[in-house]
Amino acid sequence: MMTPEEEMELVLHTIRETTSGYLIWDEEEAQRVHRELGSEGLAPEAIRVILQKFVRGGGEIETRDEQRPQWMQHRDRWYLAIIPMKMFVNGLFVEFWLSNRDRKAPIVEIVNAHSQR
């Protein structure tokens, strides 16, 4: 079992250092984001790249204990980044989690993105 600190470091490493195969989108959410933000030029792939650049540049990632009943059986915690962007007054909110904790092949899955409210 990983400590929260070890998991955070693995999340950061996965986002910063890996190829696109280890930073993926939940397919349903990717389709929703494409419908809602595609007209803003923010396709899911673009958001993935923006998140990587944000983390590589030292942007802050926050962690939350999972409190939502529909997710509690899948994960203990989730992560978020609020990325400053001119098109959104309060930035771009991106939610993700470590869906595979294998240190040799970790996977961070993006599960939500929208204008920060």
PDB file of N, CA and C in Angstrom:
ATOM      1  N   MET A   1       0.837  -1.188   0.000  1.00  0.00           N
ATOM      2  CA  MET A   1       0.000   0.000   0.000  1.00  0.00           C
ATOM      3  C   MET A   1       0.883   1.253   0.000  1.00  0.00           C
ATOM      4  N   MET A   2       0.537   2.198  -0.837  1.00  0.00           N
ATOM      5  CA  MET A   2       1.279   3.444  -0.954  1.00  0.00           C
ATOM      6  C   MET A   2       0.763   4.469   0.044  1.00  0.00           C
ATOM      7  N   THR A   3       1.666   5.274   0.549  1.00  0.00           N
ATOM      8  CA  THR A   3       1.241   6.415   1.356  1.00  0.00           C
ATOM      9  C   THR A   3       0.680   7.475   0.408  1.00  0.00           C
ATOM     10  N   PRO A   4      -0.105   8.410   0.929  1.00  0.00           N
ATOM     11  CA  PRO A   4      -0.593   9.492   0.066  1.00  0.00           C
ATOM     12  C   PRO A   4       0.548  10.274  -0.592  1.00  0.00           C
ATOM     13  N   GLU A   5       1.644  10.458   0.124  1.00  0.00           N
ATOM     14  CA  GLU A   5       2.790  11.182  -0.432  1.00  0.00           C
ATOM     15  C   GLU A   5       3.440  10.396  -1.575  1.00  0.00           C
ATOM     16  N   GLU A   6       3.571   9.093  -1.406  1.00  0.00           N
ATOM     17  CA  GLU A   6       4.139   8.257  -2.473  1.00  0.00           C
ATOM     18  C   GLU A   6       3.237   8.260  -3.698  1.00  0.00           C
ATOM     19  N   GLU A   7       1.922   8.203  -3.461  1.00  0.00           N
ATOM     20  CA  GLU A   7       0.985   8.221  -4.578  1.00  0.00           C
ATOM     21  C   GLU A   7       1.058   9.556  -5.321  1.00  0.00           C
ATOM     22  N   MET A   8       1.132  10.658  -4.586  1.00  0.00           N
ATOM     23  CA  MET A   8       1.241  11.973  -5.226  1.00  0.00           C
ATOM     24  C   MET A   8       2.493  12.037  -6.090  1.00  0.00           C
ATOM     25  N   GLU A   9       3.597  11.543  -5.574  1.00  0.00           N
ATOM     26  CA  GLU A   9       4.838  11.572  -6.360  1.00  0.00           C
ATOM     27  C   GLU A   9       4.706  10.723  -7.617  1.00  0.00           C
ATOM     28  N   LEU A  10       4.035   9.589  -7.528  1.00  0.00           N
ATOM     29  CA  LEU A  10       3.828   8.745  -8.706  1.00  0.00           C
ATOM     30  C   LEU A  10       2.918   9.437  -9.717  1.00  0.00           C
ATOM     31  N   VAL A  11       1.889  10.117  -9.230  1.00  0.00           N
ATOM     32  CA  VAL A  11       1.003  10.880 -10.122  1.00  0.00           C
ATOM     33  C   VAL A  11       1.803  11.956 -10.857  1.00  0.00           C
ATOM     34  N   LEU A  12       2.575  12.724 -10.108  1.00  0.00           N
ATOM     35  CA  LEU A  12       3.373  13.793 -10.720  1.00  0.00           C
ATOM     36  C   LEU A  12       4.369  13.227 -11.723  1.00  0.00           C
ATOM     37  N   HIS A  13       5.047  12.158 -11.344  1.00  0.00           N
ATOM     38  CA  HIS A  13       6.007  11.526 -12.244  1.00  0.00           C
ATOM     39  C   HIS A  13       5.322  11.050 -13.524  1.00  0.00           C
ATOM     40  N   THR A  14       4.171  10.432 -13.373  1.00  0.00           N
ATOM     41  CA  THR A  14       3.449   9.896 -14.531  1.00  0.00           C
ATOM     42  C   THR A  14       3.049  11.014 -15.487  1.00  0.00           C
ATOM     43  N   ILE A  15       2.573  12.110 -14.945  1.00  0.00           N
ATOM     44  CA  ILE A  15       2.173  13.231 -15.798  1.00  0.00           C
ATOM     45  C   ILE A  15       3.392  13.873 -16.449  1.00  0.00           C
ATOM     46  N   ARG A  16       4.444  14.089 -15.685  1.00  0.00           N
ATOM     47  CA  ARG A  16       5.631  14.795 -16.187  1.00  0.00           C
ATOM     48  C   ARG A  16       6.446  13.988 -17.174  1.00  0.00           C
ATOM     49  N   GLU A  17       6.673  12.725 -16.844  1.00  0.00           N
ATOM     50  CA  GLU A  17       7.733  11.969 -17.501  1.00  0.00           C
ATOM     51  C   GLU A  17       7.291  10.948 -18.536  1.00  0.00           C
ATOM     52  N   THR A  18       6.025  10.695 -18.660  1.00  0.00           N
ATOM     53  CA  THR A  18       5.615   9.585 -19.508  1.00  0.00           C
ATOM     54  C   THR A  18       5.142  10.039 -20.879  1.00  0.00           C
ATOM     55  N   THR A  19       4.976   9.054 -21.720  1.00  0.00           N
ATOM     56  CA  THR A  19       4.369   9.296 -23.022  1.00  0.00           C
ATOM     57  C   THR A  19       2.862   9.328 -22.836  1.00  0.00           C
ATOM     58  N   SER A  20       2.139   9.638 -23.867  1.00  0.00           N
ATOM     59  CA  SER A  20       0.688   9.804 -23.756  1.00  0.00           C
ATOM     60  C   SER A  20      -0.025   8.537 -23.318  1.00  0.00           C
ATOM     61  N   GLY A  21       0.582   7.374 -23.483  1.00  0.00           N
ATOM     62  CA  GLY A  21      -0.073   6.123 -23.099  1.00  0.00           C
ATOM     63  C   GLY A  21      -0.326   5.970 -21.631  1.00  0.00           C
ATOM     64  N   TYR A  22       0.351   6.764 -20.793  1.00  0.00           N
ATOM     65  CA  TYR A  22       0.184   6.650 -19.353  1.00  0.00           C
ATOM     66  C   TYR A  22      -0.639   7.787 -18.755  1.00  0.00           C
ATOM     67  N   LEU A  23      -0.986   8.757 -19.553  1.00  0.00           N
ATOM     68  CA  LEU A  23      -1.886   9.841 -19.168  1.00  0.00           C
ATOM     69  C   LEU A  23      -3.041   9.782 -20.148  1.00  0.00           C
ATOM     70  N   ILE A  24      -4.144   9.234 -19.697  1.00  0.00           N
ATOM     71  CA  ILE A  24      -5.257   8.934 -20.596  1.00  0.00           C
ATOM     72  C   ILE A  24      -6.538   9.639 -20.141  1.00  0.00           C
ATOM     73  N   TRP A  25      -7.513   9.627 -21.009  1.00  0.00           N
ATOM     74  CA  TRP A  25      -8.838  10.155 -20.708  1.00  0.00           C
ATOM     75  C   TRP A  25      -9.819   9.016 -20.488  1.00  0.00           C
ATOM     76  N   ASP A  26     -10.740   9.192 -19.560  1.00  0.00           N
ATOM     77  CA  ASP A  26     -11.932   8.355 -19.513  1.00  0.00           C
ATOM     78  C   ASP A  26     -12.691   8.668 -20.806  1.00  0.00           C
ATOM     79  N   GLU A  27     -13.036   7.645 -21.556  1.00  0.00           N
ATOM     80  CA  GLU A  27     -13.589   7.854 -22.902  1.00  0.00           C
ATOM     81  C   GLU A  27     -14.896   8.651 -22.892  1.00  0.00           C
ATOM     82  N   GLU A  28     -15.809   8.348 -21.986  1.00  0.00           N
ATOM     83  CA  GLU A  28     -17.073   9.092 -21.929  1.00  0.00           C
ATOM     84  C   GLU A  28     -16.846  10.560 -21.602  1.00  0.00           C
ATOM     85  N   GLU A  29     -15.951  10.804 -20.667  1.00  0.00           N
ATOM     86  CA  GLU A  29     -15.652  12.185 -20.299  1.00  0.00           C
ATOM     87  C   GLU A  29     -14.940  12.912 -21.432  1.00  0.00           C
ATOM     88  N   ALA A  30     -14.091  12.219 -22.147  1.00  0.00           N
ATOM     89  CA  ALA A  30     -13.422  12.834 -23.293  1.00  0.00           C
ATOM     90  C   ALA A  30     -14.446  13.288 -24.332  1.00  0.00           C
ATOM     91  N   GLN A  31     -15.457  12.469 -24.558  1.00  0.00           N
ATOM     92  CA  GLN A  31     -16.501  12.838 -25.518  1.00  0.00           C
ATOM     93  C   GLN A  31     -17.295  14.051 -25.030  1.00  0.00           C
ATOM     94  N   ARG A  32     -17.625  14.072 -23.734  1.00  0.00           N
ATOM     95  CA  ARG A  32     -18.351  15.208 -23.167  1.00  0.00           C
ATOM     96  C   ARG A  32     -17.519  16.486 -23.289  1.00  0.00           C
ATOM     97  N   VAL A  33     -16.250  16.398 -22.923  1.00  0.00           N
ATOM     98  CA  VAL A  33     -15.376  17.567 -22.992  1.00  0.00           C
ATOM     99  C   VAL A  33     -15.247  18.042 -24.439  1.00  0.00           C
ATOM    100  N   HIS A  34     -15.150  17.121 -25.360  1.00  0.00           N
ATOM    101  CA  HIS A  34     -15.065  17.503 -26.774  1.00  0.00           C
ATOM    102  C   HIS A  34     -16.312  18.287 -27.188  1.00  0.00           C
ATOM    103  N   ARG A  35     -17.482  17.811 -26.760  1.00  0.00           N
ATOM    104  CA  ARG A  35     -18.734  18.514 -27.089  1.00  0.00           C
ATOM    105  C   ARG A  35     -18.780  19.897 -26.440  1.00  0.00           C
ATOM    106  N   GLU A  36     -18.385  19.977 -25.168  1.00  0.00           N
ATOM    107  CA  GLU A  36     -18.542  21.216 -24.415  1.00  0.00           C
ATOM    108  C   GLU A  36     -17.414  22.230 -24.622  1.00  0.00           C
ATOM    109  N   LEU A  37     -16.198  21.767 -24.815  1.00  0.00           N
ATOM    110  CA  LEU A  37     -15.060  22.688 -24.902  1.00  0.00           C
ATOM    111  C   LEU A  37     -14.381  22.700 -26.269  1.00  0.00           C
ATOM    112  N   GLY A  38     -14.794  21.799 -27.141  1.00  0.00           N
ATOM    113  CA  GLY A  38     -14.173  21.726 -28.463  1.00  0.00           C
ATOM    114  C   GLY A  38     -14.280  23.023 -29.239  1.00  0.00           C
ATOM    115  N   SER A  39     -15.394  23.714 -29.099  1.00  0.00           N
ATOM    116  CA  SER A  39     -15.558  24.990 -29.806  1.00  0.00           C
ATOM    117  C   SER A  39     -14.612  26.063 -29.275  1.00  0.00           C
ATOM    118  N   GLU A  40     -14.082  25.861 -28.064  1.00  0.00           N
ATOM    119  CA  GLU A  40     -13.097  26.772 -27.474  1.00  0.00           C
ATOM    120  C   GLU A  40     -11.671  26.389 -27.890  1.00  0.00           C
ATOM    121  N   GLY A  41     -11.560  25.328 -28.711  1.00  0.00           N
ATOM    122  CA  GLY A  41     -10.240  24.856 -29.122  1.00  0.00           C
ATOM    123  C   GLY A  41      -9.597  23.944 -28.099  1.00  0.00           C
ATOM    124  N   LEU A  42     -10.405  23.422 -27.177  1.00  0.00           N
ATOM    125  CA  LEU A  42      -9.881  22.559 -26.111  1.00  0.00           C
ATOM    126  C   LEU A  42     -10.395  21.133 -26.260  1.00  0.00           C
ATOM    127  N   ALA A  43      -9.850  20.448 -27.219  1.00  0.00           N
ATOM    128  CA  ALA A  43     -10.149  19.029 -27.367  1.00  0.00           C
ATOM    129  C   ALA A  43      -9.464  18.288 -26.220  1.00  0.00           C
ATOM    130  N   PRO A  44      -9.920  17.095 -25.892  1.00  0.00           N
ATOM    131  CA  PRO A  44      -9.284  16.333 -24.811  1.00  0.00           C
ATOM    132  C   PRO A  44      -7.770  16.199 -24.958  1.00  0.00           C
ATOM    133  N   GLU A  45      -7.291  15.967 -26.159  1.00  0.00           N
ATOM    134  CA  GLU A  45      -5.841  15.834 -26.355  1.00  0.00           C
ATOM    135  C   GLU A  45      -5.118  17.130 -25.996  1.00  0.00           C
ATOM    136  N   ALA A  46      -5.713  18.260 -26.341  1.00  0.00           N
ATOM    137  CA  ALA A  46      -5.100  19.551 -25.996  1.00  0.00           C
ATOM    138  C   ALA A  46      -5.057  19.736 -24.482  1.00  0.00           C
ATOM    139  N   ILE A  47      -6.107  19.339 -23.797  1.00  0.00           N
ATOM    140  CA  ILE A  47      -6.132  19.458 -22.331  1.00  0.00           C
ATOM    141  C   ILE A  47      -5.078  18.557 -21.713  1.00  0.00           C
ATOM    142  N   ARG A  48      -4.887  17.379 -22.268  1.00  0.00           N
ATOM    143  CA  ARG A  48      -3.845  16.476 -21.772  1.00  0.00           C
ATOM    144  C   ARG A  48      -2.471  17.147 -21.875  1.00  0.00           C
ATOM    145  N   VAL A  49      -2.198  17.756 -23.000  1.00  0.00           N
ATOM    146  CA  VAL A  49      -0.911  18.432 -23.210  1.00  0.00           C
ATOM    147  C   VAL A  49      -0.790  19.647 -22.282  1.00  0.00           C
ATOM    148  N   ILE A  50      -1.863  20.398 -22.113  1.00  0.00           N
ATOM    149  CA  ILE A  50      -1.854  21.559 -21.216  1.00  0.00           C
ATOM    150  C   ILE A  50      -1.563  21.114 -19.783  1.00  0.00           C
ATOM    151  N   LEU A  51      -2.180  20.016 -19.351  1.00  0.00           N
ATOM    152  CA  LEU A  51      -1.932  19.494 -18.006  1.00  0.00           C
ATOM    153  C   LEU A  51      -0.464  19.092 -17.858  1.00  0.00           C
ATOM    154  N   GLN A  52       0.093  18.426 -18.842  1.00  0.00           N
ATOM    155  CA  GLN A  52       1.504  18.034 -18.776  1.00  0.00           C
ATOM    156  C   GLN A  52       2.407  19.262 -18.672  1.00  0.00           C
ATOM    157  N   LYS A  53       2.164  20.263 -19.486  1.00  0.00           N
ATOM    158  CA  LYS A  53       2.980  21.476 -19.443  1.00  0.00           C
ATOM    159  C   LYS A  53       2.857  22.169 -18.090  1.00  0.00           C
ATOM    160  N   PHE A  54       1.650  22.201 -17.559  1.00  0.00           N
ATOM    161  CA  PHE A  54       1.404  22.820 -16.254  1.00  0.00           C
ATOM    162  C   PHE A  54       2.212  22.124 -15.165  1.00  0.00           C
ATOM    163  N   VAL A  55       2.152  20.803 -15.131  1.00  0.00           N
ATOM    164  CA  VAL A  55       2.874  20.037 -14.114  1.00  0.00           C
ATOM    165  C   VAL A  55       4.382  20.144 -14.332  1.00  0.00           C
ATOM    166  N   ARG A  56       4.820  20.020 -15.563  1.00  0.00           N
ATOM    167  CA  ARG A  56       6.262  20.141 -15.854  1.00  0.00           C
ATOM    168  C   ARG A  56       6.797  21.515 -15.468  1.00  0.00           C
ATOM    169  N   GLY A  57       5.952  22.530 -15.531  1.00  0.00           N
ATOM    170  CA  GLY A  57       6.357  23.882 -15.179  1.00  0.00           C
ATOM    171  C   GLY A  57       6.256  24.178 -13.692  1.00  0.00           C
ATOM    172  N   GLY A  58       5.920  23.163 -12.901  1.00  0.00           N
ATOM    173  CA  GLY A  58       5.842  23.355 -11.454  1.00  0.00           C
ATOM    174  C   GLY A  58       4.476  23.760 -10.940  1.00  0.00           C
ATOM    175  N   GLY A  59       3.452  23.659 -11.788  1.00  0.00           N
ATOM    176  CA  GLY A  59       2.099  23.998 -11.355  1.00  0.00           C
ATOM    177  C   GLY A  59       1.632  23.114 -10.210  1.00  0.00           C
ATOM    178  N   GLU A  60       0.795  23.686  -9.356  1.00  0.00           N
ATOM    179  CA  GLU A  60       0.343  22.993  -8.150  1.00  0.00           C
ATOM    180  C   GLU A  60      -0.788  22.015  -8.440  1.00  0.00           C
ATOM    181  N   ILE A  61      -0.623  20.819  -7.890  1.00  0.00           N
ATOM    182  CA  ILE A  61      -1.648  19.780  -7.954  1.00  0.00           C
ATOM    183  C   ILE A  61      -2.180  19.589  -6.535  1.00  0.00           C
ATOM    184  N   GLU A  62      -3.485  19.495  -6.406  1.00  0.00           N
ATOM    185  CA  GLU A  62      -4.097  19.262  -5.104  1.00  0.00           C
ATOM    186  C   GLU A  62      -4.669  17.855  -5.057  1.00  0.00           C
ATOM    187  N   THR A  63      -4.782  17.322  -3.858  1.00  0.00           N
ATOM    188  CA  THR A  63      -5.387  16.011  -3.674  1.00  0.00           C
ATOM    189  C   THR A  63      -6.611  16.149  -2.777  1.00  0.00           C
ATOM    190  N   ARG A  64      -7.576  15.285  -3.015  1.00  0.00           N
ATOM    191  CA  ARG A  64      -8.786  15.250  -2.207  1.00  0.00           C
ATOM    192  C   ARG A  64      -9.089  13.799  -1.843  1.00  0.00           C
ATOM    193  N   ASP A  65      -9.520  13.583  -0.616  1.00  0.00           N
ATOM    194  CA  ASP A  65     -10.031  12.267  -0.258  1.00  0.00           C
ATOM    195  C   ASP A  65     -11.352  12.080  -0.978  1.00  0.00           C
ATOM    196  N   GLU A  66     -11.566  10.877  -1.491  1.00  0.00           N
ATOM    197  CA  GLU A  66     -12.809  10.617  -2.223  1.00  0.00           C
ATOM    198  C   GLU A  66     -13.969  10.541  -1.241  1.00  0.00           C
ATOM    199  N   GLN A  67     -14.982  11.353  -1.454  1.00  0.00           N
ATOM    200  CA  GLN A  67     -16.172  11.417  -0.606  1.00  0.00           C
ATOM    201  C   GLN A  67     -17.448  11.063  -1.378  1.00  0.00           C
ATOM    202  N   ARG A  68     -17.335  10.984  -2.698  1.00  0.00           N
ATOM    203  CA  ARG A  68     -18.531  10.745  -3.518  1.00  0.00           C
ATOM    204  C   ARG A  68     -18.816   9.245  -3.561  1.00  0.00           C
ATOM    205  N   PRO A  69     -20.002   8.838  -3.131  1.00  0.00           N
ATOM    206  CA  PRO A  69     -20.314   7.403  -3.015  1.00  0.00           C
ATOM    207  C   PRO A  69     -20.078   6.602  -4.289  1.00  0.00           C
ATOM    208  N   GLN A  70     -20.360   7.162  -5.453  1.00  0.00           N
ATOM    209  CA  GLN A  70     -20.218   6.423  -6.702  1.00  0.00           C
ATOM    210  C   GLN A  70     -18.765   6.138  -7.052  1.00  0.00           C
ATOM    211  N   TRP A  71     -17.824   6.833  -6.417  1.00  0.00           N
ATOM    212  CA  TRP A  71     -16.407   6.637  -6.706  1.00  0.00           C
ATOM    213  C   TRP A  71     -15.642   5.945  -5.578  1.00  0.00           C
ATOM    214  N   MET A  72     -16.200   5.897  -4.398  1.00  0.00           N
ATOM    215  CA  MET A  72     -15.459   5.398  -3.237  1.00  0.00           C
ATOM    216  C   MET A  72     -14.979   3.957  -3.389  1.00  0.00           C
ATOM    217  N   GLN A  73     -15.684   3.155  -4.135  1.00  0.00           N
ATOM    218  CA  GLN A  73     -15.239   1.765  -4.331  1.00  0.00           C
ATOM    219  C   GLN A  73     -14.076   1.660  -5.310  1.00  0.00           C
ATOM    220  N   HIS A  74     -13.821   2.734  -6.066  1.00  0.00           N
ATOM    221  CA  HIS A  74     -12.757   2.713  -7.077  1.00  0.00           C
ATOM    222  C   HIS A  74     -11.459   3.367  -6.627  1.00  0.00           C
ATOM    223  N   ARG A  75     -11.565   4.327  -5.719  1.00  0.00           N
ATOM    224  CA  ARG A  75     -10.365   5.082  -5.342  1.00  0.00           C
ATOM    225  C   ARG A  75     -10.514   5.708  -3.961  1.00  0.00           C
ATOM    226  N   ASP A  76      -9.378   5.935  -3.339  1.00  0.00           N
ATOM    227  CA  ASP A  76      -9.334   6.594  -2.032  1.00  0.00           C
ATOM    228  C   ASP A  76      -9.224   8.110  -2.174  1.00  0.00           C
ATOM    229  N   ARG A  77      -8.589   8.533  -3.257  1.00  0.00           N
ATOM    230  CA  ARG A  77      -8.356   9.964  -3.447  1.00  0.00           C
ATOM    231  C   ARG A  77      -8.346  10.300  -4.932  1.00  0.00           C
ATOM    232  N   TRP A  78      -8.459  11.580  -5.200  1.00  0.00           N
ATOM    233  CA  TRP A  78      -8.377  12.088  -6.557  1.00  0.00           C
ATOM    234  C   TRP A  78      -7.581  13.386  -6.535  1.00  0.00           C
ATOM    235  N   TYR A  79      -7.232  13.855  -7.710  1.00  0.00           N
ATOM    236  CA  TYR A  79      -6.340  15.002  -7.846  1.00  0.00           C
ATOM    237  C   TYR A  79      -6.969  16.044  -8.756  1.00  0.00           C
ATOM    238  N   LEU A  80      -6.539  17.289  -8.551  1.00  0.00           N
ATOM    239  CA  LEU A  80      -7.043  18.352  -9.412  1.00  0.00           C
ATOM    240  C   LEU A  80      -5.962  19.380  -9.665  1.00  0.00           C
ATOM    241  N   ALA A  81      -6.113  20.002 -10.799  1.00  0.00           N
ATOM    242  CA  ALA A  81      -5.275  21.144 -11.167  1.00  0.00           C
ATOM    243  C   ALA A  81      -6.211  22.236 -11.640  1.00  0.00           C
ATOM    244  N   ILE A  82      -5.937  23.451 -11.226  1.00  0.00           N
ATOM    245  CA  ILE A  82      -6.649  24.605 -11.762  1.00  0.00           C
ATOM    246  C   ILE A  82      -5.604  25.394 -12.549  1.00  0.00           C
ATOM    247  N   ILE A  83      -5.733  25.306 -13.843  1.00  0.00           N
ATOM    248  CA  ILE A  83      -4.714  25.835 -14.751  1.00  0.00           C
ATOM    249  C   ILE A  83      -5.136  27.217 -15.243  1.00  0.00           C
ATOM    250  N   PRO A  84      -4.325  28.237 -14.989  1.00  0.00           N
ATOM    251  CA  PRO A  84      -4.670  29.576 -15.472  1.00  0.00           C
ATOM    252  C   PRO A  84      -4.748  29.601 -17.004  1.00  0.00           C
ATOM    253  N   MET A  85      -5.849  30.171 -17.487  1.00  0.00           N
ATOM    254  CA  MET A  85      -6.045  30.308 -18.936  1.00  0.00           C
ATOM    255  C   MET A  85      -6.833  31.592 -19.174  1.00  0.00           C
ATOM    256  N   LYS A  86      -6.420  32.357 -20.158  1.00  0.00           N
ATOM    257  CA  LYS A  86      -7.076  33.629 -20.445  1.00  0.00           C
ATOM    258  C   LYS A  86      -8.555  33.464 -20.779  1.00  0.00           C
ATOM    259  N   MET A  87      -8.914  32.361 -21.423  1.00  0.00           N
ATOM    260  CA  MET A  87     -10.305  32.181 -21.851  1.00  0.00           C
ATOM    261  C   MET A  87     -11.261  31.878 -20.703  1.00  0.00           C
ATOM    262  N   PHE A  88     -10.716  31.518 -19.534  1.00  0.00           N
ATOM    263  CA  PHE A  88     -11.549  31.209 -18.366  1.00  0.00           C
ATOM    264  C   PHE A  88     -11.116  32.101 -17.205  1.00  0.00           C
ATOM    265  N   VAL A  89     -12.035  32.898 -16.705  1.00  0.00           N
ATOM    266  CA  VAL A  89     -11.726  33.854 -15.643  1.00  0.00           C
ATOM    267  C   VAL A  89     -11.044  33.178 -14.455  1.00  0.00           C
ATOM    268  N   ASN A  90     -11.555  32.031 -14.043  1.00  0.00           N
ATOM    269  CA  ASN A  90     -11.010  31.333 -12.868  1.00  0.00           C
ATOM    270  C   ASN A  90     -10.127  30.146 -13.229  1.00  0.00           C
ATOM    271  N   GLY A  91      -9.790  29.979 -14.490  1.00  0.00           N
ATOM    272  CA  GLY A  91      -8.922  28.902 -14.919  1.00  0.00           C
ATOM    273  C   GLY A  91      -9.668  27.674 -15.395  1.00  0.00           C
ATOM    274  N   LEU A  92      -8.903  26.675 -15.796  1.00  0.00           N
ATOM    275  CA  LEU A  92      -9.425  25.399 -16.266  1.00  0.00           C
ATOM    276  C   LEU A  92      -9.257  24.373 -15.150  1.00  0.00           C
ATOM    277  N   PHE A  93     -10.352  23.781 -14.715  1.00  0.00           N
ATOM    278  CA  PHE A  93     -10.347  22.735 -13.699  1.00  0.00           C
ATOM    279  C   PHE A  93     -10.144  21.392 -14.396  1.00  0.00           C
ATOM    280  N   VAL A  94      -9.163  20.621 -13.946  1.00  0.00           N
ATOM    281  CA  VAL A  94      -8.926  19.284 -14.495  1.00  0.00           C
ATOM    282  C   VAL A  94      -8.857  18.310 -13.323  1.00  0.00           C
ATOM    283  N   GLU A  95      -9.681  17.265 -13.378  1.00  0.00           N
ATOM    284  CA  GLU A  95      -9.729  16.230 -12.337  1.00  0.00           C
ATOM    285  C   GLU A  95      -9.152  14.938 -12.887  1.00  0.00           C
ATOM    286  N   PHE A  96      -8.346  14.240 -12.072  1.00  0.00           N
ATOM    287  CA  PHE A  96      -7.730  12.997 -12.504  1.00  0.00           C
ATOM    288  C   PHE A  96      -7.435  12.125 -11.292  1.00  0.00           C
ATOM    289  N   TRP A  97      -7.087  10.877 -11.573  1.00  0.00           N
ATOM    290  CA  TRP A  97      -6.752   9.951 -10.493  1.00  0.00           C
ATOM    291  C   TRP A  97      -5.752   8.921 -10.999  1.00  0.00           C
ATOM    292  N   LEU A  98      -5.117   8.251 -10.063  1.00  0.00           N
ATOM    293  CA  LEU A  98      -4.149   7.214 -10.400  1.00  0.00           C
ATOM    294  C   LEU A  98      -4.916   5.899 -10.543  1.00  0.00           C
ATOM    295  N   SER A  99      -5.245   5.541 -11.769  1.00  0.00           N
ATOM    296  CA  SER A  99      -6.083   4.360 -11.992  1.00  0.00           C
ATOM    297  C   SER A  99      -5.291   3.059 -11.998  1.00  0.00           C
ATOM    298  N   ASN A 100      -3.976   3.150 -12.185  1.00  0.00           N
ATOM    299  CA  ASN A 100      -3.111   1.970 -12.097  1.00  0.00           C
ATOM    300  C   ASN A 100      -1.892   2.359 -11.270  1.00  0.00           C
ATOM    301  N   ARG A 101      -1.738   1.731 -10.109  1.00  0.00           N
ATOM    302  CA  ARG A 101      -0.656   2.085  -9.184  1.00  0.00           C
ATOM    303  C   ARG A 101       0.636   1.305  -9.429  1.00  0.00           C
ATOM    304  N   ASP A 102       0.691   0.528 -10.457  1.00  0.00           N
ATOM    305  CA  ASP A 102       1.902  -0.231 -10.766  1.00  0.00           C
ATOM    306  C   ASP A 102       3.020   0.757 -11.074  1.00  0.00           C
ATOM    307  N   ARG A 103       4.075   0.739 -10.278  1.00  0.00           N
ATOM    308  CA  ARG A 103       5.160   1.709 -10.437  1.00  0.00           C
ATOM    309  C   ARG A 103       5.878   1.571 -11.782  1.00  0.00           C
ATOM    310  N   LYS A 104       5.800   0.415 -12.400  1.00  0.00           N
ATOM    311  CA  LYS A 104       6.446   0.221 -13.701  1.00  0.00           C
ATOM    312  C   LYS A 104       5.572   0.683 -14.861  1.00  0.00           C
ATOM    313  N   ALA A 105       4.274   0.746 -14.635  1.00  0.00           N
ATOM    314  CA  ALA A 105       3.353   1.177 -15.697  1.00  0.00           C
ATOM    315  C   ALA A 105       2.163   1.921 -15.086  1.00  0.00           C
ATOM    316  N   PRO A 106       2.414   3.019 -14.374  1.00  0.00           N
ATOM    317  CA  PRO A 106       1.306   3.751 -13.749  1.00  0.00           C
ATOM    318  C   PRO A 106       0.441   4.423 -14.811  1.00  0.00           C
ATOM    319  N   ILE A 107      -0.828   4.573 -14.488  1.00  0.00           N
ATOM    320  CA  ILE A 107      -1.738   5.258 -15.400  1.00  0.00           C
ATOM    321  C   ILE A 107      -2.498   6.318 -14.623  1.00  0.00           C
ATOM    322  N   VAL A 108      -2.433   7.537 -15.117  1.00  0.00           N
ATOM    323  CA  VAL A 108      -3.241   8.631 -14.595  1.00  0.00           C
ATOM    324  C   VAL A 108      -4.374   8.839 -15.594  1.00  0.00           C
ATOM    325  N   GLU A 109      -5.593   8.809 -15.080  1.00  0.00           N
ATOM    326  CA  GLU A 109      -6.778   8.942 -15.931  1.00  0.00           C
ATOM    327  C   GLU A 109      -7.466  10.275 -15.648  1.00  0.00           C
ATOM    328  N   ILE A 110      -7.617  11.072 -16.686  1.00  0.00           N
ATOM    329  CA  ILE A 110      -8.339  12.335 -16.580  1.00  0.00           C
ATOM    330  C   ILE A 110      -9.829  12.020 -16.660  1.00  0.00           C
ATOM    331  N   VAL A 111     -10.590  12.526 -15.682  1.00  0.00           N
ATOM    332  CA  VAL A 111     -12.009  12.182 -15.622  1.00  0.00           C
ATOM    333  C   VAL A 111     -12.937  13.397 -15.672  1.00  0.00           C
ATOM    334  N   ASN A 112     -12.361  14.602 -15.773  1.00  0.00           N
ATOM    335  CA  ASN A 112     -13.222  15.769 -15.834  1.00  0.00           C
ATOM    336  C   ASN A 112     -12.382  16.987 -16.206  1.00  0.00           C
ATOM    337  N   ALA A 113     -12.986  17.906 -16.924  1.00  0.00           N
ATOM    338  CA  ALA A 113     -12.377  19.204 -17.205  1.00  0.00           C
ATOM    339  C   ALA A 113     -13.491  20.174 -17.546  1.00  0.00           C
ATOM    340  N   HIS A 114     -13.381  21.377 -16.996  1.00  0.00           N
ATOM    341  CA  HIS A 114     -14.367  22.425 -17.274  1.00  0.00           C
ATOM    342  C   HIS A 114     -13.822  23.751 -16.756  1.00  0.00           C
ATOM    343  N   SER A 115     -14.504  24.813 -17.104  1.00  0.00           N
ATOM    344  CA  SER A 115     -14.150  26.121 -16.582  1.00  0.00           C
ATOM    345  C   SER A 115     -14.302  26.077 -15.061  1.00  0.00           C
ATOM    346  N   GLN A 116     -13.300  26.559 -14.336  1.00  0.00           N
ATOM    347  CA  GLN A 116     -13.380  26.573 -12.880  1.00  0.00           C
ATOM    348  C   GLN A 116     -14.488  27.525 -12.457  1.00  0.00           C
ATOM    349  N   ARG A 117     -15.341  27.042 -11.573  1.00  0.00           N
ATOM    350  CA  ARG A 117     -16.492  27.852 -11.139  1.00  0.00           C
ATOM    351  C   ARG A 117     -16.173  28.647  -9.906  1.00  0.00           C
TER     352      ARG A 117
END
